Protein backbone atom coordinates (compact mmCIF):
# COMPACT_ATOMS: atom_id res chain seq x y z
CA MET A 1 188.04 -9.55 -49.36
CA PHE A 2 188.16 -12.86 -47.30
CA LYS A 3 190.08 -16.01 -48.44
CA VAL A 4 187.45 -18.62 -49.05
CA GLY A 5 186.96 -22.36 -49.47
CA VAL A 6 184.34 -24.40 -50.88
CA LEU A 7 184.26 -28.26 -50.18
CA THR A 8 181.78 -30.56 -51.76
CA ALA A 9 180.96 -33.60 -50.23
CA SER A 10 179.24 -36.22 -52.57
CA ASP A 11 179.95 -39.56 -53.25
CA THR A 12 178.44 -39.54 -56.85
CA GLY A 13 180.05 -36.34 -57.79
CA ALA A 14 183.58 -37.54 -56.23
CA LYS A 15 183.10 -40.61 -58.74
CA GLY A 16 182.23 -38.02 -61.79
CA GLU A 17 178.65 -39.44 -61.93
CA ARG A 18 177.35 -35.85 -60.77
CA GLU A 19 177.97 -32.29 -61.86
CA ASP A 20 178.65 -30.39 -59.03
CA LEU A 21 176.38 -27.29 -59.55
CA SER A 22 176.14 -25.90 -55.71
CA SER A 23 179.70 -25.37 -55.31
CA LYS A 24 179.44 -23.05 -58.49
CA VAL A 25 176.15 -21.16 -57.17
CA ILE A 26 178.77 -20.53 -53.69
CA ILE A 27 181.46 -19.62 -56.11
CA GLU A 28 179.48 -17.30 -57.76
CA MET A 29 177.58 -15.64 -55.05
CA ILE A 30 180.28 -15.32 -52.36
CA LYS A 31 182.16 -12.77 -54.62
CA PRO A 32 180.88 -9.59 -52.62
CA VAL A 33 182.22 -11.02 -49.61
CA GLY A 34 185.30 -12.91 -50.63
CA GLU A 35 187.52 -15.25 -53.13
CA VAL A 36 187.11 -18.79 -53.39
CA VAL A 37 190.87 -19.45 -53.24
CA GLU A 38 190.37 -23.53 -52.72
CA TYR A 39 187.99 -25.64 -54.01
CA ILE A 40 187.90 -29.64 -53.40
CA MET A 41 185.19 -32.16 -53.75
CA VAL A 42 185.56 -35.50 -51.67
CA ALA A 43 183.14 -38.45 -51.29
CA ASP A 44 180.93 -38.65 -47.95
CA ASN A 45 183.77 -39.45 -45.66
CA ARG A 46 183.86 -38.25 -42.04
CA LEU A 47 187.74 -38.25 -41.97
CA ASP A 48 188.36 -36.83 -45.40
CA ILE A 49 185.86 -33.96 -44.84
CA SER A 50 187.67 -33.33 -41.35
CA ALA A 51 190.85 -33.37 -42.77
CA VAL A 52 190.31 -30.87 -45.38
CA LEU A 53 188.61 -28.51 -42.76
CA LYS A 54 191.61 -28.64 -40.55
CA LYS A 55 194.12 -28.24 -43.32
CA TRP A 56 192.37 -25.19 -44.95
CA SER A 57 191.69 -23.50 -41.24
CA ASP A 58 195.39 -24.52 -39.67
CA ASP A 59 197.70 -24.40 -42.64
CA LEU A 60 196.07 -22.40 -45.27
CA LYS A 61 194.24 -19.74 -42.54
CA LEU A 62 191.19 -19.45 -44.83
CA ASP A 63 188.58 -17.14 -43.58
CA LEU A 64 185.49 -18.77 -44.30
CA ILE A 65 185.12 -22.41 -45.70
CA MET A 66 181.73 -23.13 -46.98
CA THR A 67 180.87 -27.14 -47.25
CA THR A 68 178.04 -28.09 -49.37
CA GLY A 69 176.46 -31.65 -49.32
CA GLY A 70 176.25 -34.45 -46.91
CA THR A 71 173.67 -32.98 -44.43
CA GLY A 72 170.38 -35.04 -45.08
CA PHE A 73 169.70 -38.17 -43.40
CA SER A 74 171.41 -40.53 -45.44
CA PRO A 75 173.79 -42.48 -43.44
CA ARG A 76 176.49 -41.11 -45.72
CA ASP A 77 175.66 -37.79 -44.97
CA VAL A 78 178.46 -36.90 -42.37
CA THR A 79 179.27 -33.27 -43.00
CA PRO A 80 177.78 -31.72 -39.98
CA GLU A 81 179.65 -34.60 -38.24
CA ALA A 82 182.72 -33.90 -39.45
CA THR A 83 182.37 -30.06 -39.13
CA LEU A 84 181.69 -30.90 -35.20
CA ASP A 85 184.80 -32.83 -34.96
CA VAL A 86 187.30 -30.00 -35.76
CA VAL A 87 185.39 -26.70 -34.76
CA GLU A 88 186.26 -25.30 -31.49
CA ARG A 89 183.19 -23.02 -31.10
CA VAL A 90 180.01 -23.75 -32.17
CA VAL A 91 177.62 -21.15 -34.20
CA PRO A 92 174.44 -22.73 -33.54
CA GLY A 93 172.43 -18.98 -34.58
CA ILE A 94 173.84 -19.22 -38.22
CA PRO A 95 172.22 -22.82 -39.10
CA GLU A 96 168.88 -22.22 -36.89
CA ALA A 97 168.40 -18.71 -38.68
CA LEU A 98 169.05 -20.66 -42.10
CA ARG A 99 166.79 -23.43 -41.32
CA ALA A 100 164.05 -21.09 -39.87
CA MET A 101 164.08 -18.77 -43.08
CA SER A 102 163.88 -22.20 -45.59
CA TYR A 103 160.77 -23.36 -43.63
CA GLN A 104 159.38 -20.35 -44.84
CA LYS A 105 159.37 -22.04 -48.25
CA THR A 106 159.53 -25.88 -47.69
CA ASN A 107 158.64 -27.79 -44.52
CA ARG A 108 161.36 -30.01 -45.37
CA ALA A 109 163.95 -27.60 -44.15
CA MET A 110 163.16 -29.26 -40.75
CA LEU A 111 165.42 -32.15 -42.31
CA SER A 112 168.46 -30.22 -42.63
CA ARG A 113 170.95 -31.10 -40.26
CA GLY A 114 173.55 -28.36 -41.32
CA ALA A 115 176.09 -27.17 -38.35
CA ALA A 116 178.23 -24.11 -38.29
CA GLY A 117 181.22 -23.24 -36.07
CA ILE A 118 184.79 -21.47 -35.48
CA ARG A 119 188.13 -23.08 -35.69
CA GLY A 120 190.93 -20.87 -35.03
CA GLY A 121 190.10 -17.87 -37.37
CA THR A 122 188.05 -19.72 -39.90
CA LEU A 123 184.32 -19.86 -39.99
CA ILE A 124 183.00 -22.87 -41.40
CA ILE A 125 179.37 -23.36 -42.51
CA ASN A 126 177.54 -26.04 -43.61
CA MET A 127 175.10 -25.64 -47.08
CA PRO A 128 172.84 -28.03 -48.45
CA GLY A 129 173.44 -30.25 -51.52
CA SER A 130 170.90 -28.51 -53.69
CA PRO A 131 171.78 -25.48 -55.62
CA ILE A 132 168.45 -24.06 -55.07
CA ALA A 133 169.06 -24.11 -51.39
CA CYS A 134 172.18 -23.01 -51.69
CA ARG A 135 171.22 -19.58 -53.41
CA GLU A 136 168.49 -19.17 -51.00
CA TYR A 137 170.36 -19.99 -47.71
CA LEU A 138 173.19 -17.39 -49.26
CA GLU A 139 170.58 -14.70 -50.17
CA PHE A 140 169.51 -14.70 -46.73
CA LEU A 141 173.17 -15.16 -45.05
CA LEU A 142 175.11 -12.64 -47.38
CA PRO A 143 174.01 -9.47 -45.88
CA VAL A 144 175.13 -10.28 -42.16
CA LEU A 145 178.40 -13.04 -43.20
CA GLY A 146 180.92 -10.09 -44.09
CA HIS A 147 180.40 -8.42 -40.51
CA GLY A 148 180.70 -11.64 -38.92
CA LEU A 149 183.86 -12.29 -40.56
CA GLU A 150 185.06 -8.70 -39.69
CA ILE A 151 184.33 -9.71 -36.14
CA LEU A 152 186.02 -13.30 -36.29
CA THR A 153 189.20 -11.49 -38.15
CA GLY A 154 189.37 -8.60 -36.15
CA SER A 155 189.04 -5.77 -39.15
CA SER A 156 186.13 -4.69 -36.85
CA LYS A 157 185.62 -4.45 -33.20
CA ASN A 158 182.23 -3.74 -32.52
CA CYS A 159 179.01 -5.98 -33.07
CA ALA A 160 176.60 -3.28 -32.28
CA ARG A 161 174.29 -1.61 -34.96
CA GLY A 162 175.13 1.58 -34.05
CA GLU A 163 171.43 2.85 -32.51
CA VAL A 164 171.26 3.71 -28.90
CA LYS A 165 168.49 2.08 -27.10
């Protein structure tokens, strides 16, 4: 099982004015892949988000960090920027695939700015702040996420699917 952290970025949630439903979806759905060992809610502040991502990657050596919230167009939505501030390698395929899947359900998917990347041995993925969108994203992502984490952590050496072409 992989060690997972969930970070929620929400001004209203951090003030206690809004229940964090998206993280509950992530925590429940991620169980086939890993165990959530860290959770935090922070305000939409780029430096605060980046600091948590660094600490969880560098000090706690989490395998996966899922963020929720802060991926929209609001001036306070800075989760992708905070993520890109700390990752060493960008993983564009994950958010591209998630947006493409989501676009089949709503044309508003093109407004999502989520990012993904790797810092050390930690994969960081931005999820939307909507619990419905988090569920849809994870239903799509989970079948391949475990394999990606196996490759990242070195527990699997081969990314091929096994068929010869």
